[in-house]
Amino acid sequence: MNLKFFKLSFFLTSFLFLTGFVPLPAVLGPAITVATSGNLVKATAQLVFDNELKKKTGKSSLNYITEEVSKNNKENRLNKDFKDLIEKRVKIVHQKLVDQNNEAKVIKDFKLLVEKRVKLTHNKLIQQKINQ
């Protein structure tokens, strides 16, 4: 009895794997669902969903979801790179403006200091002329 069962199982298994008659991943997923949960309705719904998705997109559900996630990751990475570039440029421009404002202030302060020194020196020269 065991030998007959083994031969029949071996024949069916080899038929599935070697002929390509039944797409194994399409049957394997629902078979695992039935085996683990015992819910035939859930397994049937999964099989129907996968088949309809494959008809509409030409891809299996796993490939479709993987492609969509990778596309979203690429868009997010590009958006992040763009955002980082803009922030870097804004910081550079801000620093240049701050430097220009500080430079003008330093030049103005230096100019006032020089004018003050010139006045003091001028006053000292006048005092020396008066004292002579």
Protein backbone atom coordinates (compact mmCIF):
# COMPACT_ATOMS: atom_id res chain seq x y z
CA MET A 1 0.00 0.00 0.00
CA ASN A 2 2.79 2.44 0.92
CA LEU A 3 4.66 1.57 -2.25
CA LYS A 4 1.60 2.41 -4.41
CA PHE A 5 1.13 5.72 -2.58
CA PHE A 6 4.83 6.54 -2.97
CA LYS A 7 4.77 5.73 -6.70
CA LEU A 8 1.62 7.80 -7.27
CA SER A 9 3.04 10.75 -5.31
CA PHE A 10 6.35 10.51 -7.15
CA PHE A 11 4.54 10.40 -10.53
CA LEU A 12 2.35 13.42 -9.75
CA THR A 13 5.25 15.40 -8.34
CA SER A 14 7.46 14.69 -11.32
CA PHE A 15 4.55 15.58 -13.63
CA LEU A 16 4.20 18.99 -11.97
CA PHE A 17 7.91 19.79 -11.92
CA LEU A 18 8.99 18.39 -15.28
CA THR A 19 6.19 19.24 -17.70
CA GLY A 20 5.48 22.81 -16.73
CA PHE A 21 1.81 22.02 -17.30
CA VAL A 22 0.72 23.69 -14.07
CA PRO A 23 2.42 26.90 -13.00
CA LEU A 24 3.79 25.79 -9.68
CA PRO A 25 3.95 29.16 -7.85
CA ALA A 26 0.32 29.87 -8.72
CA VAL A 27 -0.79 26.61 -7.15
CA LEU A 28 1.76 26.41 -4.37
CA GLY A 29 0.65 29.62 -2.59
CA PRO A 30 -3.01 28.65 -2.23
CA ALA A 31 -2.02 25.08 -1.36
CA ILE A 32 0.08 26.36 1.54
CA THR A 33 -2.82 28.60 2.62
CA VAL A 34 -5.22 25.63 2.66
CA ALA A 35 -2.68 23.49 4.51
CA THR A 36 -1.93 26.07 7.21
CA SER A 37 -5.32 27.68 7.75
CA GLY A 38 -7.69 25.08 6.39
CA ASN A 39 -9.65 27.89 4.74
CA LEU A 40 -10.46 26.89 1.16
CA VAL A 41 -12.34 30.15 0.45
CA LYS A 42 -9.31 32.22 1.40
CA ALA A 43 -7.06 30.11 -0.82
CA THR A 44 -9.48 30.37 -3.76
CA ALA A 45 -9.72 34.14 -3.37
CA GLN A 46 -5.93 34.35 -3.32
CA LEU A 47 -5.66 32.29 -6.51
CA VAL A 48 -8.32 34.37 -8.30
CA PHE A 49 -6.70 37.63 -7.20
CA ASP A 50 -3.27 36.51 -8.43
CA ASN A 51 -4.67 35.39 -11.78
CA GLU A 52 -6.58 38.65 -12.35
CA LEU A 53 -3.55 40.72 -11.40
CA LYS A 54 -1.40 38.72 -13.80
CA LYS A 55 -3.94 39.24 -16.61
CA LYS A 56 -4.09 43.01 -16.07
CA THR A 57 -0.45 43.76 -15.38
CA GLY A 58 1.37 40.79 -16.89
CA LYS A 59 3.23 40.35 -13.62
CA SER A 60 2.75 38.23 -10.56
CA SER A 61 1.50 39.99 -7.45
CA LEU A 62 4.90 39.75 -5.75
CA ASN A 63 6.73 41.21 -8.76
CA TYR A 64 4.17 43.99 -9.14
CA ILE A 65 4.36 45.02 -5.48
CA THR A 66 8.17 44.82 -5.49
CA GLU A 67 8.36 47.04 -8.58
CA GLU A 68 5.98 49.63 -7.12
CA VAL A 69 7.87 49.78 -3.84
CA SER A 70 11.22 50.19 -5.61
CA LYS A 71 9.75 52.93 -7.84
CA ASN A 72 8.48 54.80 -4.77
CA ASN A 73 11.88 54.38 -3.07
CA LYS A 74 13.63 55.86 -6.12
CA GLU A 75 11.24 58.84 -6.14
CA ASN A 76 11.73 59.38 -2.41
CA ARG A 77 15.52 59.17 -2.78
CA LEU A 78 15.45 61.69 -5.65
CA ASN A 79 13.22 64.01 -3.65
CA LYS A 80 15.55 63.72 -0.65
CA ASP A 81 18.62 64.40 -2.80
CA PHE A 82 16.90 67.45 -4.33
CA LYS A 83 15.86 68.70 -0.90
CA ASP A 84 19.41 68.28 0.44
CA LEU A 85 20.82 70.15 -2.55
CA ILE A 86 18.39 73.06 -2.05
CA GLU A 87 19.15 73.24 1.68
CA LYS A 88 22.88 73.26 0.98
CA ARG A 89 22.51 76.09 -1.57
CA VAL A 90 20.34 78.13 0.80
CA LYS A 91 22.97 77.78 3.56
CA ILE A 92 25.74 78.88 1.18
CA VAL A 93 23.78 81.93 0.01
CA HIS A 94 22.81 82.80 3.59
CA GLN A 95 26.44 82.63 4.70
CA LYS A 96 27.51 84.85 1.78
CA LEU A 97 24.87 87.44 2.72
CA VAL A 98 25.95 87.38 6.36
CA ASP A 99 29.58 87.79 5.34
CA GLN A 100 28.71 90.72 3.06
CA ASN A 101 26.73 92.42 5.81
CA ASN A 102 29.55 91.90 8.30
CA GLU A 103 32.11 93.12 5.78
CA ALA A 104 30.18 96.34 5.23
CA LYS A 105 29.93 96.84 8.97
CA VAL A 106 33.64 96.21 9.44
CA ILE A 107 34.50 98.60 6.61
CA LYS A 108 32.18 101.22 8.04
CA ASP A 109 33.64 100.79 11.55
CA PHE A 110 37.17 100.95 10.14
CA LYS A 111 36.31 104.10 8.18
CA LEU A 112 34.90 105.76 11.31
CA LEU A 113 37.99 104.78 13.29
CA VAL A 114 40.32 106.21 10.62
CA GLU A 115 38.31 109.44 10.47
CA LYS A 116 38.49 109.73 14.25
CA ARG A 117 42.27 109.18 14.20
CA VAL A 118 42.69 111.72 11.43
CA LYS A 119 40.74 114.29 13.45
CA LEU A 120 42.77 113.56 16.58
CA THR A 121 46.04 113.78 14.65
CA HIS A 122 44.89 116.97 12.97
CA ASN A 123 43.99 118.46 16.34
CA LYS A 124 47.39 117.48 17.78
CA LEU A 125 49.18 119.10 14.85
CA ILE A 126 47.18 122.26 15.31
CA GLN A 127 48.00 122.24 19.05
CA GLN A 128 51.70 121.81 18.27
CA LYS A 129 51.65 124.73 15.83
CA ILE A 130 49.94 126.88 18.41
CA ASN A 131 52.45 125.91 21.10
CA GLN A 132 55.48 126.77 18.92
